[in-house]
C-alpha atoms as a PDB file:
ATOM      1  CA  UNK A   1       0.000   0.000   0.000  1.00  0.00           C
ATOM      2  CA  UNK A   2       1.426   3.373  -1.060  1.00  0.00           C
ATOM      3  CA  UNK A   3       1.484   6.171   1.499  1.00  0.00           C
ATOM      4  CA  UNK A   4       0.745   9.699   0.320  1.00  0.00           C
ATOM      5  CA  UNK A   5       2.716  12.568   1.780  1.00  0.00           C
ATOM      6  CA  UNK A   6       1.121  15.979   2.025  1.00  0.00           C
ATOM      7  CA  UNK A   7       2.200  18.910   4.154  1.00  0.00           C
ATOM      8  CA  UNK A   8       1.355  22.572   3.777  1.00  0.00           C
ATOM      9  CA  UNK A   9       2.505  25.588   5.720  1.00  0.00           C
ATOM     10  CA  UNK A  10       2.401  29.358   5.445  1.00  0.00           C
ATOM     11  CA  UNK A  11       5.181  31.726   6.409  1.00  0.00           C
ATOM     12  CA  UNK A  12       4.350  35.275   7.416  1.00  0.00           C
ATOM     13  CA  UNK A  13       6.491  38.125   8.638  1.00  0.00           C
ATOM     14  CA  UNK A  14       7.045  38.568  12.351  1.00  0.00           C
ATOM     15  CA  UNK A  15       6.098  41.902  13.920  1.00  0.00           C
ATOM     16  CA  UNK A  16       2.455  42.079  12.888  1.00  0.00           C
ATOM     17  CA  UNK A  17       1.686  45.138  15.067  1.00  0.00           C
ATOM     18  CA  UNK A  18       4.072  47.506  13.269  1.00  0.00           C
ATOM     19  CA  UNK A  19       3.051  46.127   9.874  1.00  0.00           C
ATOM     20  CA  UNK A  20      -0.626  46.555  10.779  1.00  0.00           C
ATOM     21  CA  UNK A  21      -0.109  50.196  11.768  1.00  0.00           C
ATOM     22  CA  UNK A  22       1.779  50.897   8.530  1.00  0.00           C
ATOM     23  CA  UNK A  23      -0.945  49.104   6.542  1.00  0.00           C
ATOM     24  CA  UNK A  24      -3.667  51.367   7.945  1.00  0.00           C
ATOM     25  CA  UNK A  25      -1.506  54.500   7.633  1.00  0.00           C
ATOM     26  CA  UNK A  26      -0.971  53.684   3.951  1.00  0.00           C
ATOM     27  CA  UNK A  27      -4.690  53.038   3.543  1.00  0.00           C
ATOM     28  CA  UNK A  28      -5.482  56.476   4.992  1.00  0.00           C
ATOM     29  CA  UNK A  29      -2.804  58.162   2.870  1.00  0.00           C
ATOM     30  CA  UNK A  30      -4.105  56.413  -0.228  1.00  0.00           C
ATOM     31  CA  UNK A  31      -7.612  57.786   0.404  1.00  0.00           C
ATOM     32  CA  UNK A  32      -6.424  61.335   1.167  1.00  0.00           C
ATOM     33  CA  UNK A  33      -4.085  61.557  -1.843  1.00  0.00           C
ATOM     34  CA  UNK A  34      -6.732  59.932  -4.054  1.00  0.00           C
ATOM     35  CA  UNK A  35      -9.308  62.551  -3.071  1.00  0.00           C
ATOM     36  CA  UNK A  36      -6.789  65.362  -3.673  1.00  0.00           C
ATOM     37  CA  UNK A  37      -5.934  63.911  -7.094  1.00  0.00           C
ATOM     38  CA  UNK A  38      -9.628  63.686  -7.999  1.00  0.00           C
ATOM     39  CA  UNK A  39     -10.222  67.288  -6.909  1.00  0.00           C
ATOM     40  CA  UNK A  40      -7.260  68.403  -9.003  1.00  0.00           C
ATOM     41  CA  UNK A  41      -8.576  66.451 -11.974  1.00  0.00           C
ATOM     42  CA  UNK A  42     -11.996  68.044 -11.595  1.00  0.00           C
ATOM     43  CA  UNK A  43     -10.372  71.502 -11.467  1.00  0.00           C
ATOM     44  CA  UNK A  44      -8.392  70.703 -14.621  1.00  0.00           C
ATOM     45  CA  UNK A  45     -11.535  69.540 -16.385  1.00  0.00           C
ATOM     46  CA  UNK A  46     -13.259  72.736 -15.237  1.00  0.00           C
ATOM     47  CA  UNK A  47     -10.808  74.828 -17.225  1.00  0.00           C
ATOM     48  CA  UNK A  48      -8.131  75.583 -14.598  1.00  0.00           C
ATOM     49  CA  UNK A  49      -5.234  74.538 -16.831  1.00  0.00           C
ATOM     50  CA  UNK A  50      -2.025  75.817 -15.336  1.00  0.00           C
ATOM     51  CA  UNK A  51       1.265  74.068 -14.713  1.00  0.00           C
ATOM     52  CA  UNK A  52       0.987  74.086 -10.910  1.00  0.00           C
ATOM     53  CA  UNK A  53      -2.483  72.460 -10.938  1.00  0.00           C
ATOM     54  CA  UNK A  54      -1.309  69.759 -13.355  1.00  0.00           C
ATOM     55  CA  UNK A  55       1.817  69.078 -11.257  1.00  0.00           C
ATOM     56  CA  UNK A  56      -0.110  68.866  -7.969  1.00  0.00           C
ATOM     57  CA  UNK A  57      -2.705  66.530  -9.539  1.00  0.00           C
ATOM     58  CA  UNK A  58       0.013  64.230 -10.916  1.00  0.00           C
ATOM     59  CA  UNK A  59       1.958  64.226  -7.636  1.00  0.00           C
ATOM     60  CA  UNK A  60      -1.161  63.415  -5.587  1.00  0.00           C
ATOM     61  CA  UNK A  61      -2.140  60.650  -8.019  1.00  0.00           C
ATOM     62  CA  UNK A  62       1.372  59.160  -7.882  1.00  0.00           C
ATOM     63  CA  UNK A  63       1.371  59.367  -4.072  1.00  0.00           C
ATOM     64  CA  UNK A  64      -2.004  57.570  -3.885  1.00  0.00           C
ATOM     65  CA  UNK A  65      -0.695  54.808  -6.154  1.00  0.00           C
ATOM     66  CA  UNK A  66       2.542  54.557  -4.134  1.00  0.00           C
ATOM     67  CA  UNK A  67       0.521  54.196  -0.915  1.00  0.00           C
ATOM     68  CA  UNK A  68      -1.558  51.462  -2.588  1.00  0.00           C
ATOM     69  CA  UNK A  69       1.582  49.504  -3.540  1.00  0.00           C
ATOM     70  CA  UNK A  70       3.165  49.977  -0.100  1.00  0.00           C
ATOM     71  CA  UNK A  71      -0.068  48.909   1.618  1.00  0.00           C
ATOM     72  CA  UNK A  72      -0.283  45.725  -0.448  1.00  0.00           C
ATOM     73  CA  UNK A  73       3.321  44.815   0.326  1.00  0.00           C
ATOM     74  CA  UNK A  74       2.638  44.828   4.073  1.00  0.00           C
ATOM     75  CA  UNK A  75       0.582  41.627   3.967  1.00  0.00           C
ATOM     76  CA  UNK A  76       2.689  39.001   2.189  1.00  0.00           C
ATOM     77  CA  UNK A  77       2.903  35.285   2.927  1.00  0.00           C
ATOM     78  CA  UNK A  78       4.632  32.349   1.298  1.00  0.00           C
ATOM     79  CA  UNK A  79       2.817  29.027   1.045  1.00  0.00           C
ATOM     80  CA  UNK A  80       4.967  25.898   0.914  1.00  0.00           C
ATOM     81  CA  UNK A  81       3.078  22.814  -0.225  1.00  0.00           C
ATOM     82  CA  UNK A  82       4.688  19.380  -0.329  1.00  0.00           C
ATOM     83  CA  UNK A  83       2.844  16.585  -2.131  1.00  0.00           C
ATOM     84  CA  UNK A  84       4.485  13.192  -2.753  1.00  0.00           C
ATOM     85  CA  UNK A  85       7.944  14.580  -3.476  1.00  0.00           C
ATOM     86  CA  UNK A  86       6.954  17.843  -5.146  1.00  0.00           C
ATOM     87  CA  UNK A  87       7.505  21.193  -3.447  1.00  0.00           C
ATOM     88  CA  UNK A  88       5.278  24.031  -4.648  1.00  0.00           C
ATOM     89  CA  UNK A  89       5.851  27.584  -3.457  1.00  0.00           C
ATOM     90  CA  UNK A  90       3.411  30.443  -3.934  1.00  0.00           C
ATOM     91  CA  UNK A  91       3.464  34.083  -2.870  1.00  0.00           C
ATOM     92  CA  UNK A  92       0.185  35.317  -1.379  1.00  0.00           C
ATOM     93  CA  UNK A  93      -0.497  39.070  -1.300  1.00  0.00           C
ATOM     94  CA  UNK A  94      -3.283  40.452   0.914  1.00  0.00           C
ATOM     95  CA  UNK A  95      -4.716  36.959   1.371  1.00  0.00           C
ATOM     96  CA  UNK A  96      -6.351  37.094  -2.058  1.00  0.00           C
ATOM     97  CA  UNK A  97      -3.746  37.305  -4.823  1.00  0.00           C
ATOM     98  CA  UNK A  98      -1.751  34.086  -5.241  1.00  0.00           C
ATOM     99  CA  UNK A  99       1.275  33.840  -7.535  1.00  0.00           C
ATOM    100  CA  UNK A 100       2.930  30.473  -8.102  1.00  0.00           C
ATOM    101  CA  UNK A 101       6.710  30.889  -7.910  1.00  0.00           C
ATOM    102  CA  UNK A 102       8.067  27.404  -8.421  1.00  0.00           C
ATOM    103  CA  UNK A 103       7.402  23.701  -8.445  1.00  0.00           C
ATOM    104  CA  UNK A 104      10.350  21.351  -7.926  1.00  0.00           C
ATOM    105  CA  UNK A 105      10.981  17.691  -7.149  1.00  0.00           C
ATOM    106  CA  UNK A 106      12.775  17.277  -3.797  1.00  0.00           C
ATOM    107  CA  UNK A 107      14.711  14.306  -5.213  1.00  0.00           C
ATOM    108  CA  UNK A 108      16.315  16.702  -7.721  1.00  0.00           C
ATOM    109  CA  UNK A 109      17.853  18.911  -5.019  1.00  0.00           C
ATOM    110  CA  UNK A 110      21.627  18.550  -4.722  1.00  0.00           C
ATOM    111  CA  UNK A 111      21.478  19.935  -1.208  1.00  0.00           C
ATOM    112  CA  UNK A 112      19.067  21.458   1.277  1.00  0.00           C
ATOM    113  CA  UNK A 113      20.947  22.907   4.251  1.00  0.00           C
ATOM    114  CA  UNK A 114      20.798  25.773   6.746  1.00  0.00           C
ATOM    115  CA  UNK A 115      22.125  29.104   5.522  1.00  0.00           C
ATOM    116  CA  UNK A 116      24.637  28.876   8.381  1.00  0.00           C
ATOM    117  CA  UNK A 117      26.250  25.974   6.455  1.00  0.00           C
ATOM    118  CA  UNK A 118      29.732  26.700   5.072  1.00  0.00           C
ATOM    119  CA  UNK A 119      28.610  26.087   1.483  1.00  0.00           C
ATOM    120  CA  UNK A 120      25.898  28.756   1.483  1.00  0.00           C
ATOM    121  CA  UNK A 121      28.166  31.770   0.868  1.00  0.00           C
ATOM    122  CA  UNK A 122      30.030  29.865  -1.849  1.00  0.00           C
ATOM    123  CA  UNK A 123      26.789  28.889  -3.594  1.00  0.00           C
ATOM    124  CA  UNK A 124      25.350  32.384  -3.217  1.00  0.00           C
ATOM    125  CA  UNK A 125      28.111  33.728  -5.471  1.00  0.00           C
ATOM    126  CA  UNK A 126      28.438  30.659  -7.730  1.00  0.00           C
ATOM    127  CA  UNK A 127      28.436  31.667 -11.407  1.00  0.00           C
ATOM    128  CA  UNK A 128      26.579  28.526 -12.555  1.00  0.00           C
ATOM    129  CA  UNK A 129      23.471  29.451 -10.558  1.00  0.00           C
ATOM    130  CA  UNK A 130      21.223  31.285 -12.996  1.00  0.00           C
ATOM    131  CA  UNK A 131      17.974  31.701 -11.038  1.00  0.00           C
ATOM    132  CA  UNK A 132      17.561  32.592  -7.346  1.00  0.00           C
ATOM    133  CA  UNK A 133      14.279  32.238  -5.476  1.00  0.00           C
ATOM    134  CA  UNK A 134      14.099  34.217  -2.217  1.00  0.00           C
ATOM    135  CA  UNK A 135      10.957  32.836  -0.598  1.00  0.00           C
ATOM    136  CA  UNK A 136      11.383  33.967   3.000  1.00  0.00           C
ATOM    137  CA  UNK A 137      10.169  36.851   5.124  1.00  0.00           C
ATOM    138  CA  UNK A 138      12.104  36.514   8.391  1.00  0.00           C
ATOM    139  CA  UNK A 139      15.869  36.814   8.506  1.00  0.00           C
ATOM    140  CA  UNK A 140      18.019  34.896  10.960  1.00  0.00           C
ATOM    141  CA  UNK A 141      17.679  31.376  12.289  1.00  0.00           C
ATOM    142  CA  UNK A 142      15.476  28.960  10.423  1.00  0.00           C
ATOM    143  CA  UNK A 143      16.565  29.878   6.909  1.00  0.00           C
ATOM    144  CA  UNK A 144      17.560  27.066   4.561  1.00  0.00           C
ATOM    145  CA  UNK A 145      18.908  27.015   1.033  1.00  0.00           C
ATOM    146  CA  UNK A 146      18.503  24.463  -1.700  1.00  0.00           C
ATOM    147  CA  UNK A 147      20.377  23.897  -4.961  1.00  0.00           C
ATOM    148  CA  UNK A 148      18.512  22.242  -7.833  1.00  0.00           C
ATOM    149  CA  UNK A 149      18.065  22.233 -11.599  1.00  0.00           C
ATOM    150  CA  UNK A 150      14.782  23.610 -12.908  1.00  0.00           C
ATOM    151  CA  UNK A 151      14.003  23.770 -16.622  1.00  0.00           C
ATOM    152  CA  UNK A 152      17.660  23.122 -17.426  1.00  0.00           C
ATOM    153  CA  UNK A 153      18.929  25.978 -15.243  1.00  0.00           C
ATOM    154  CA  UNK A 154      20.837  25.589 -12.002  1.00  0.00           C
ATOM    155  CA  UNK A 155      18.796  27.389  -9.365  1.00  0.00           C
ATOM    156  CA  UNK A 156      18.938  28.343  -5.708  1.00  0.00           C
ATOM    157  CA  UNK A 157      16.071  28.548  -3.247  1.00  0.00           C
ATOM    158  CA  UNK A 158      16.279  30.338   0.114  1.00  0.00           C
ATOM    159  CA  UNK A 159      13.270  29.644   2.315  1.00  0.00           C
ATOM    160  CA  UNK A 160      12.159  28.979   5.906  1.00  0.00           C
ATOM    161  CA  UNK A 161      10.626  25.494   6.212  1.00  0.00           C
ATOM    162  CA  UNK A 162       9.512  23.995   9.525  1.00  0.00           C
ATOM    163  CA  UNK A 163      11.284  21.057  11.157  1.00  0.00           C
ATOM    164  CA  UNK A 164       8.371  18.829  10.142  1.00  0.00           C
ATOM    165  CA  UNK A 165       8.704  19.787   6.473  1.00  0.00           C
ATOM    166  CA  UNK A 166      12.471  19.216   6.602  1.00  0.00           C
ATOM    167  CA  UNK A 167      11.970  15.741   8.074  1.00  0.00           C
ATOM    168  CA  UNK A 168       9.608  14.900   5.199  1.00  0.00           C
ATOM    169  CA  UNK A 169      12.202  16.209   2.706  1.00  0.00           C
ATOM    170  CA  UNK A 170      14.751  13.910   4.360  1.00  0.00           C
ATOM    171  CA  UNK A 171      12.556  10.862   3.632  1.00  0.00           C
ATOM    172  CA  UNK A 172      12.539  11.702  -0.079  1.00  0.00           C
ATOM    173  CA  UNK A 173      16.160  12.865  -0.395  1.00  0.00           C
ATOM    174  CA  UNK A 174      18.170  11.395   2.527  1.00  0.00           C
ATOM    175  CA  UNK A 175      21.602  12.257   1.074  1.00  0.00           C
ATOM    176  CA  UNK A 176      20.804  15.826   0.040  1.00  0.00           C
ATOM    177  CA  UNK A 177      19.035  17.166   3.138  1.00  0.00           C
ATOM    178  CA  UNK A 178      21.144  18.417   6.058  1.00  0.00           C
ATOM    179  CA  UNK A 179      19.243  19.096   9.241  1.00  0.00           C
END
């Protein structure tokens, strides 16, 4: 009887209080600058065509858009999904926009090791590595790197899996996973 392996986890940034305050500050700024840009646009459409009015309208519109982008970047998560040897990683923005970043077979990894491993710095600057996937949000302990070939290109993944996920990786690639 074949046993199926499935494990899923989400990684979010530590320090939710500061990020939450910045999120709401950006939301407020986005509304204020958006209203100012709309008022400027209405004045321009009303015949008030001078350089200062155009500049203020464009600056307020750009500020509103900048606040929108900054607000959205405050709520990012990475989802790691492991299913029968395949690791899928997706970036989730604001809990509603999901972007698949990669799908790789754990058996194809040359190594998965902590970033404190001696080989990490060497691999970070290795010329053969074409693609780098930075799929982590918290710096420090708990970061791991993996070297693998994806679509014919040598690639590097830096991520923050749990101990449970690492132990499952070890079952599928006992020689390549360093705990």
